[in-house]
């Protein structure tokens, strides 16, 4: 039985990069008609918000001089 390599990363039928459906329907204009989107994958917008939160945490640090971030070898 042939296996179909799938490029959708959020399909519920995806099984290790291959389509796990017993039968599929392809439309040349639309693509895979068997595709069903998974609900547990984050949207790109969610990732952007997380990245921005991390940047805000770094911005909130009250460090006046960059030299304070480095440890001198002479201190040890």
C-alpha atoms as a PDB file:
ATOM      1  CA  UNK A   1       0.000   0.000   0.000  1.00  0.00           C
ATOM      2  CA  UNK A   2       1.520   3.379  -0.977  1.00  0.00           C
ATOM      3  CA  UNK A   3       2.141   5.993   1.691  1.00  0.00           C
ATOM      4  CA  UNK A   4       1.509   9.668   1.096  1.00  0.00           C
ATOM      5  CA  UNK A   5       4.018  12.177   2.445  1.00  0.00           C
ATOM      6  CA  UNK A   6       2.117  15.084   4.020  1.00  0.00           C
ATOM      7  CA  UNK A   7       3.385  18.658   4.385  1.00  0.00           C
ATOM      8  CA  UNK A   8       0.609  19.823   6.720  1.00  0.00           C
ATOM      9  CA  UNK A   9       2.125  19.975  10.206  1.00  0.00           C
ATOM     10  CA  UNK A  10      -1.170  20.448  12.058  1.00  0.00           C
ATOM     11  CA  UNK A  11      -3.340  17.694  10.543  1.00  0.00           C
ATOM     12  CA  UNK A  12      -4.894  15.182  12.942  1.00  0.00           C
ATOM     13  CA  UNK A  13      -4.294  12.426  10.391  1.00  0.00           C
ATOM     14  CA  UNK A  14      -0.518  13.016  10.292  1.00  0.00           C
ATOM     15  CA  UNK A  15       1.552  10.022  11.395  1.00  0.00           C
ATOM     16  CA  UNK A  16       5.320  10.638  11.433  1.00  0.00           C
ATOM     17  CA  UNK A  17       5.165  12.806   8.323  1.00  0.00           C
ATOM     18  CA  UNK A  18       2.808  10.532   6.391  1.00  0.00           C
ATOM     19  CA  UNK A  19      -0.964  10.645   5.972  1.00  0.00           C
ATOM     20  CA  UNK A  20      -2.695   8.081   8.160  1.00  0.00           C
ATOM     21  CA  UNK A  21      -6.080   8.279   6.398  1.00  0.00           C
ATOM     22  CA  UNK A  22      -7.405   5.139   4.711  1.00  0.00           C
ATOM     23  CA  UNK A  23      -8.384   7.224   1.653  1.00  0.00           C
ATOM     24  CA  UNK A  24      -7.761  10.830   0.647  1.00  0.00           C
ATOM     25  CA  UNK A  25      -9.263  13.291  -1.790  1.00  0.00           C
ATOM     26  CA  UNK A  26      -7.058  15.833  -3.546  1.00  0.00           C
ATOM     27  CA  UNK A  27      -8.253  18.929  -5.370  1.00  0.00           C
ATOM     28  CA  UNK A  28      -5.636  20.559  -7.641  1.00  0.00           C
ATOM     29  CA  UNK A  29      -6.875  24.052  -6.740  1.00  0.00           C
ATOM     30  CA  UNK A  30      -7.510  23.623  -3.017  1.00  0.00           C
ATOM     31  CA  UNK A  31      -5.174  20.828  -1.945  1.00  0.00           C
ATOM     32  CA  UNK A  32      -6.012  17.954   0.383  1.00  0.00           C
ATOM     33  CA  UNK A  33      -9.740  17.741   1.030  1.00  0.00           C
ATOM     34  CA  UNK A  34      -9.147  15.095   3.746  1.00  0.00           C
ATOM     35  CA  UNK A  35      -7.094  17.528   5.868  1.00  0.00           C
ATOM     36  CA  UNK A  36      -8.468  18.135   9.363  1.00  0.00           C
ATOM     37  CA  UNK A  37      -6.733  20.757  11.500  1.00  0.00           C
ATOM     38  CA  UNK A  38      -5.668  19.807  15.016  1.00  0.00           C
ATOM     39  CA  UNK A  39      -6.782  22.064  17.864  1.00  0.00           C
ATOM     40  CA  UNK A  40      -3.742  21.567  20.094  1.00  0.00           C
ATOM     41  CA  UNK A  41      -1.143  23.280  17.883  1.00  0.00           C
ATOM     42  CA  UNK A  42      -0.386  26.923  18.708  1.00  0.00           C
ATOM     43  CA  UNK A  43      -0.897  29.648  16.154  1.00  0.00           C
ATOM     44  CA  UNK A  44       2.012  31.829  15.055  1.00  0.00           C
ATOM     45  CA  UNK A  45       0.404  34.729  16.929  1.00  0.00           C
ATOM     46  CA  UNK A  46       0.733  32.818  20.213  1.00  0.00           C
ATOM     47  CA  UNK A  47       4.452  32.335  19.626  1.00  0.00           C
ATOM     48  CA  UNK A  48       4.938  36.029  18.909  1.00  0.00           C
ATOM     49  CA  UNK A  49       3.230  36.973  22.179  1.00  0.00           C
ATOM     50  CA  UNK A  50       5.468  34.601  24.151  1.00  0.00           C
ATOM     51  CA  UNK A  51       8.580  36.040  22.496  1.00  0.00           C
ATOM     52  CA  UNK A  52       7.472  39.578  23.303  1.00  0.00           C
ATOM     53  CA  UNK A  53       6.883  38.633  26.951  1.00  0.00           C
ATOM     54  CA  UNK A  54      10.426  37.320  27.229  1.00  0.00           C
ATOM     55  CA  UNK A  55      11.830  40.495  25.699  1.00  0.00           C
ATOM     56  CA  UNK A  56       9.819  42.592  28.149  1.00  0.00           C
ATOM     57  CA  UNK A  57      11.345  40.659  31.054  1.00  0.00           C
ATOM     58  CA  UNK A  58      14.840  41.517  29.813  1.00  0.00           C
ATOM     59  CA  UNK A  59      13.865  45.146  29.360  1.00  0.00           C
ATOM     60  CA  UNK A  60      12.612  45.289  32.957  1.00  0.00           C
ATOM     61  CA  UNK A  61      16.039  44.406  34.381  1.00  0.00           C
ATOM     62  CA  UNK A  62      17.585  47.411  36.087  1.00  0.00           C
ATOM     63  CA  UNK A  63      21.210  47.136  35.018  1.00  0.00           C
ATOM     64  CA  UNK A  64      23.071  50.405  34.542  1.00  0.00           C
ATOM     65  CA  UNK A  65      26.307  49.039  33.204  1.00  0.00           C
ATOM     66  CA  UNK A  66      26.942  46.054  30.934  1.00  0.00           C
ATOM     67  CA  UNK A  67      30.114  45.293  32.894  1.00  0.00           C
ATOM     68  CA  UNK A  68      27.953  44.094  35.793  1.00  0.00           C
ATOM     69  CA  UNK A  69      26.872  41.168  33.632  1.00  0.00           C
ATOM     70  CA  UNK A  70      30.385  39.752  33.344  1.00  0.00           C
ATOM     71  CA  UNK A  71      32.314  37.897  36.028  1.00  0.00           C
ATOM     72  CA  UNK A  72      35.976  38.691  36.519  1.00  0.00           C
ATOM     73  CA  UNK A  73      38.288  35.691  36.670  1.00  0.00           C
ATOM     74  CA  UNK A  74      40.311  37.527  39.321  1.00  0.00           C
ATOM     75  CA  UNK A  75      37.410  37.245  41.773  1.00  0.00           C
ATOM     76  CA  UNK A  76      37.794  33.458  41.982  1.00  0.00           C
END
